[in-house]
Amino acid sequence: MIDLYYAPTPNGWKISIMLEECGLPYTVRPVNIGAGEQFAPEFLKISPNNRIPAIVDHAPEDGGDPVSVFETGAILLYLAEKSGRFMPADLRGRYQVMQWLMWQMGGLGPMLGQNGHFKLYAPEKLPYAIDRYERETARLYGVLDRRLGEADYVAGADYTIADMAIFPWIMTHKRQEITLDDYPNIKRWYALCRERPALQAGLNVMKDAINRNPQADEKVRETLFGIKA
């Protein structure tokens, strides 16, 4: 059994989707990030970066003590290895997946996160910051659209953990003020992924707990963003 320490965010969705796709049994351990539960000492033992998600695998492949993993890229790789799914066995295919996974972790997620922050949550609208991250968001969408003009899925012909890592961030396109009509290859891929029942099940985990306006609550705003009234 796997414990999933989770909140319904793009990073959280990556792992709930993967667990549903793999069919691995798991128990959701909710982490109320608006209330600061990610800073609790017991959670920091699992995720020292005080970020969700994290997992604890109580039945690791070596039969030893439970294994805890934090950071979404590491978790996706762990679950792919454990399940033997969604990661090619051949060298070239494996590194095609890994490079797009790293692209999401180092580029798409952080830059879209900054774009969303300065558009939606920052107490002061800073034109320089908004323009900088709008342009970088558009650039990254262009990179992905060109790639998806070459292949059915991000890493090639098959659906992999690279798609699972990227999809939740593209789900935020409307709040990012992006229209997928401007990126036809992403639009095709997005619809293809959206049809997957396991992906839909992963997105539905704790769906009712999504907070779309954390900036509206003073305590939540300070906990998440360090912004005091």
Protein backbone atom coordinates (compact mmCIF):
# COMPACT_ATOMS: atom_id res chain seq x y z
CA MET A 1 0.00 0.00 0.00
CA ILE A 2 1.18 3.49 -0.83
CA ASP A 3 0.34 6.56 1.26
CA LEU A 4 -0.12 9.65 -0.91
CA TYR A 5 0.38 12.93 0.92
CA TYR A 6 -1.66 15.18 -1.26
CA ALA A 7 -3.51 18.37 -2.05
CA PRO A 8 -5.43 18.96 -5.32
CA THR A 9 -2.92 21.14 -7.21
CA PRO A 10 -1.13 20.60 -10.54
CA ASN A 11 1.75 18.92 -8.73
CA GLY A 12 -0.60 16.78 -6.68
CA TRP A 13 -2.55 15.74 -9.77
CA LYS A 14 0.57 14.36 -11.43
CA ILE A 15 0.81 11.65 -8.79
CA SER A 16 -2.88 10.87 -8.31
CA ILE A 17 -3.09 10.43 -12.10
CA MET A 18 -0.06 8.11 -12.15
CA LEU A 19 -1.38 5.99 -9.28
CA GLU A 20 -4.73 5.62 -11.03
CA GLU A 21 -3.06 4.82 -14.35
CA CYS A 22 -0.87 2.15 -12.71
CA GLY A 23 -3.72 0.67 -10.68
CA LEU A 24 -1.52 0.63 -7.60
CA PRO A 25 -3.43 0.63 -4.29
CA TYR A 26 -3.03 3.87 -2.36
CA THR A 27 -4.44 5.80 0.54
CA VAL A 28 -4.83 9.57 0.33
CA ARG A 29 -3.34 11.47 3.26
CA PRO A 30 -4.70 15.00 2.84
CA VAL A 31 -2.32 17.87 3.54
CA ASN A 32 -4.12 21.18 4.08
CA ILE A 33 -1.52 23.52 2.62
CA GLY A 34 -3.68 26.58 3.30
CA ALA A 35 -3.57 25.74 7.00
CA GLY A 36 0.19 25.13 6.96
CA GLU A 37 0.12 21.34 7.49
CA GLN A 38 3.07 21.04 5.07
CA PHE A 39 5.26 22.55 7.80
CA ALA A 40 4.36 19.92 10.41
CA PRO A 41 7.44 18.02 11.71
CA GLU A 42 5.95 14.64 10.81
CA PHE A 43 5.40 15.75 7.21
CA LEU A 44 8.88 17.28 6.95
CA LYS A 45 10.36 13.87 7.73
CA ILE A 46 8.79 12.68 4.46
CA SER A 47 9.08 15.87 2.42
CA PRO A 48 11.89 18.08 3.76
CA ASN A 49 11.12 20.74 1.15
CA ASN A 50 7.68 21.21 2.81
CA ARG A 51 5.87 20.70 -0.49
CA ILE A 52 3.23 18.26 -1.60
CA PRO A 53 3.00 15.64 -2.92
CA ALA A 54 5.02 12.91 -1.28
CA ILE A 55 4.56 9.16 -1.02
CA VAL A 56 5.43 6.39 1.40
CA ASP A 57 5.54 2.93 -0.14
CA HIS A 58 4.92 0.33 2.57
CA ALA A 59 5.58 -2.55 0.18
CA PRO A 60 8.76 -1.62 -1.75
CA GLU A 61 10.15 -4.00 -4.34
CA ASP A 62 13.09 -5.06 -2.15
CA GLY A 63 10.79 -6.14 0.68
CA GLY A 64 12.57 -3.86 3.15
CA ASP A 65 11.50 -0.89 5.21
CA PRO A 66 8.99 1.60 3.78
CA VAL A 67 10.37 3.99 1.17
CA SER A 68 9.43 7.67 1.20
CA VAL A 69 9.86 9.83 -1.89
CA PHE A 70 9.31 13.56 -2.38
CA GLU A 71 9.47 15.76 -5.53
CA THR A 72 7.10 14.86 -8.35
CA GLY A 73 9.72 13.84 -10.89
CA ALA A 74 11.31 11.41 -8.46
CA ILE A 75 7.91 10.03 -7.48
CA LEU A 76 6.88 9.47 -11.11
CA LEU A 77 10.15 7.68 -11.84
CA TYR A 78 9.76 5.55 -8.71
CA LEU A 79 6.21 4.54 -9.59
CA ALA A 80 7.16 3.83 -13.21
CA GLU A 81 9.93 1.52 -12.01
CA LYS A 82 7.69 -0.14 -9.43
CA SER A 83 4.85 -0.76 -11.87
CA GLY A 84 6.92 -1.38 -14.98
CA ARG A 85 4.65 1.00 -16.89
CA PHE A 86 4.72 4.35 -18.68
CA MET A 87 8.49 4.39 -19.11
CA PRO A 88 10.14 2.79 -22.18
CA ALA A 89 12.64 0.01 -21.58
CA ASP A 90 14.98 1.02 -24.40
CA LEU A 91 17.72 3.59 -23.85
CA ARG A 92 16.58 6.17 -26.38
CA GLY A 93 12.94 5.98 -25.44
CA ARG A 94 13.75 6.22 -21.74
CA TYR A 95 15.80 9.37 -22.17
CA GLN A 96 13.21 10.92 -24.43
CA VAL A 97 10.78 10.61 -21.51
CA MET A 98 13.30 11.80 -18.95
CA GLN A 99 14.30 14.94 -20.83
CA TRP A 100 10.66 16.05 -21.20
CA LEU A 101 10.03 15.22 -17.56
CA MET A 102 12.97 17.44 -16.58
CA TRP A 103 11.71 20.14 -18.96
CA GLN A 104 8.42 20.20 -17.08
CA MET A 105 10.07 20.26 -13.67
CA GLY A 106 12.67 22.90 -14.52
CA GLY A 107 10.70 25.06 -16.94
CA LEU A 108 6.99 24.61 -17.54
CA GLY A 109 5.87 24.18 -13.93
CA PRO A 110 7.99 26.91 -12.30
CA MET A 111 7.42 29.48 -15.06
CA LEU A 112 3.66 28.91 -15.25
CA GLY A 113 3.58 29.06 -11.48
CA GLN A 114 5.24 32.47 -11.55
CA ASN A 115 2.97 33.64 -14.35
CA GLY A 116 -0.10 32.62 -12.37
CA HIS A 117 1.22 34.17 -9.19
CA PHE A 118 1.86 37.61 -10.64
CA LYS A 119 -1.41 37.58 -12.60
CA LEU A 120 -3.70 36.24 -9.91
CA TYR A 121 -2.24 36.43 -6.43
CA ALA A 122 0.34 39.21 -6.14
CA PRO A 123 -1.02 42.12 -4.08
CA GLU A 124 0.60 44.57 -6.49
CA LYS A 125 0.35 44.17 -10.25
CA LEU A 126 3.92 44.57 -11.48
CA PRO A 127 4.00 45.12 -15.26
CA TYR A 128 7.62 43.97 -15.61
CA ALA A 129 6.97 40.66 -13.81
CA ILE A 130 3.68 40.05 -15.62
CA ASP A 131 5.25 40.73 -19.02
CA ARG A 132 8.32 38.59 -18.27
CA TYR A 133 6.36 35.51 -17.26
CA GLU A 134 3.68 35.95 -19.92
CA ARG A 135 6.39 35.87 -22.58
CA GLU A 136 8.13 32.86 -21.03
CA THR A 137 4.81 31.02 -20.73
CA ALA A 138 4.10 31.66 -24.42
CA ARG A 139 7.62 30.50 -25.34
CA LEU A 140 7.20 27.24 -23.42
CA TYR A 141 3.79 26.61 -24.97
CA GLY A 142 5.47 27.09 -28.34
CA VAL A 143 8.15 24.53 -27.48
CA LEU A 144 5.52 21.99 -26.48
CA ASP A 145 3.33 22.71 -29.51
CA ARG A 146 6.24 22.14 -31.88
CA ARG A 147 7.10 18.89 -30.16
CA LEU A 148 3.51 17.66 -30.37
CA GLY A 149 3.53 18.45 -34.06
CA GLU A 150 6.12 15.66 -34.37
CA ALA A 151 4.61 12.94 -32.17
CA ASP A 152 1.29 11.75 -30.77
CA TYR A 153 2.47 12.17 -27.19
CA VAL A 154 5.19 14.27 -25.63
CA ALA A 155 7.90 11.59 -25.66
CA GLY A 156 6.82 9.77 -28.80
CA ALA A 157 4.14 7.34 -29.90
CA ASP A 158 3.10 6.27 -26.39
CA TYR A 159 1.58 7.93 -23.33
CA THR A 160 4.15 8.15 -20.53
CA ILE A 161 4.96 9.85 -17.25
CA ALA A 162 6.09 12.86 -19.30
CA ASP A 163 2.50 13.42 -20.39
CA MET A 164 1.27 12.96 -16.83
CA ALA A 165 3.74 15.56 -15.58
CA ILE A 166 2.86 18.14 -18.23
CA PHE A 167 -0.91 17.72 -18.53
CA PRO A 168 -1.89 19.17 -15.11
CA TRP A 169 -0.07 22.41 -15.87
CA ILE A 170 -1.73 22.74 -19.27
CA MET A 171 -5.03 22.28 -17.44
CA THR A 172 -4.45 25.75 -16.01
CA HIS A 173 -4.39 27.38 -19.46
CA LYS A 174 -7.54 29.46 -18.98
CA ARG A 175 -6.28 30.98 -15.74
CA GLN A 176 -2.96 31.56 -17.47
CA GLU A 177 -4.98 33.51 -20.10
CA ILE A 178 -3.90 31.08 -22.81
CA THR A 179 -6.22 29.81 -25.53
CA LEU A 180 -5.40 26.39 -26.90
CA ASP A 181 -6.72 27.48 -30.29
CA ASP A 182 -3.35 29.22 -30.67
CA TYR A 183 -1.58 25.89 -30.12
CA PRO A 184 -3.39 23.28 -32.26
CA ASN A 185 -0.99 20.44 -31.52
CA ILE A 186 -1.35 20.95 -27.76
CA LYS A 187 -5.11 21.16 -28.20
CA ARG A 188 -5.17 17.78 -29.97
CA TRP A 189 -2.96 16.15 -27.34
CA TYR A 190 -4.90 17.72 -24.47
CA ALA A 191 -8.18 16.26 -25.75
CA LEU A 192 -6.54 12.86 -26.28
CA CYS A 193 -5.22 12.74 -22.71
CA ARG A 194 -8.45 14.12 -21.24
CA GLU A 195 -10.35 11.10 -22.54
CA ARG A 196 -8.38 8.66 -20.36
CA PRO A 197 -10.60 7.32 -17.54
CA ALA A 198 -7.65 6.91 -15.14
CA LEU A 199 -6.55 10.49 -15.75
CA GLN A 200 -10.07 11.69 -14.99
CA ALA A 201 -10.10 9.59 -11.81
CA GLY A 202 -6.79 11.13 -10.73
CA LEU A 203 -8.14 14.64 -11.25
CA ASN A 204 -11.21 13.82 -9.17
CA VAL A 205 -9.21 12.99 -6.03
CA MET A 206 -10.26 15.54 -3.38
CA LYS A 207 -11.79 17.65 -6.14
CA ASP A 208 -14.07 19.42 -3.66
CA ALA A 209 -11.03 20.71 -1.73
CA ILE A 210 -9.62 22.80 -4.61
CA ASN A 211 -9.09 26.41 -3.53
CA ARG A 212 -9.19 28.59 -6.62
CA ASN A 213 -8.91 31.88 -4.74
CA PRO A 214 -6.37 31.43 -1.92
CA GLN A 215 -5.57 35.13 -1.98
CA ALA A 216 -9.07 35.90 -0.65
CA ASP A 217 -8.30 34.52 2.82
CA GLU A 218 -5.73 36.48 4.82
CA LYS A 219 -4.36 33.49 6.74
CA VAL A 220 -4.19 31.25 3.67
CA ARG A 221 -2.51 34.03 1.66
CA GLU A 222 0.16 34.49 4.32
CA THR A 223 0.73 30.73 4.66
CA LEU A 224 1.09 30.08 0.92
CA PHE A 225 2.71 33.27 -0.28
CA GLY A 226 4.17 34.97 2.79
CA ILE A 227 1.99 37.98 2.01
CA LYS A 228 0.66 39.84 5.04
CA ALA A 229 -2.29 42.20 4.89
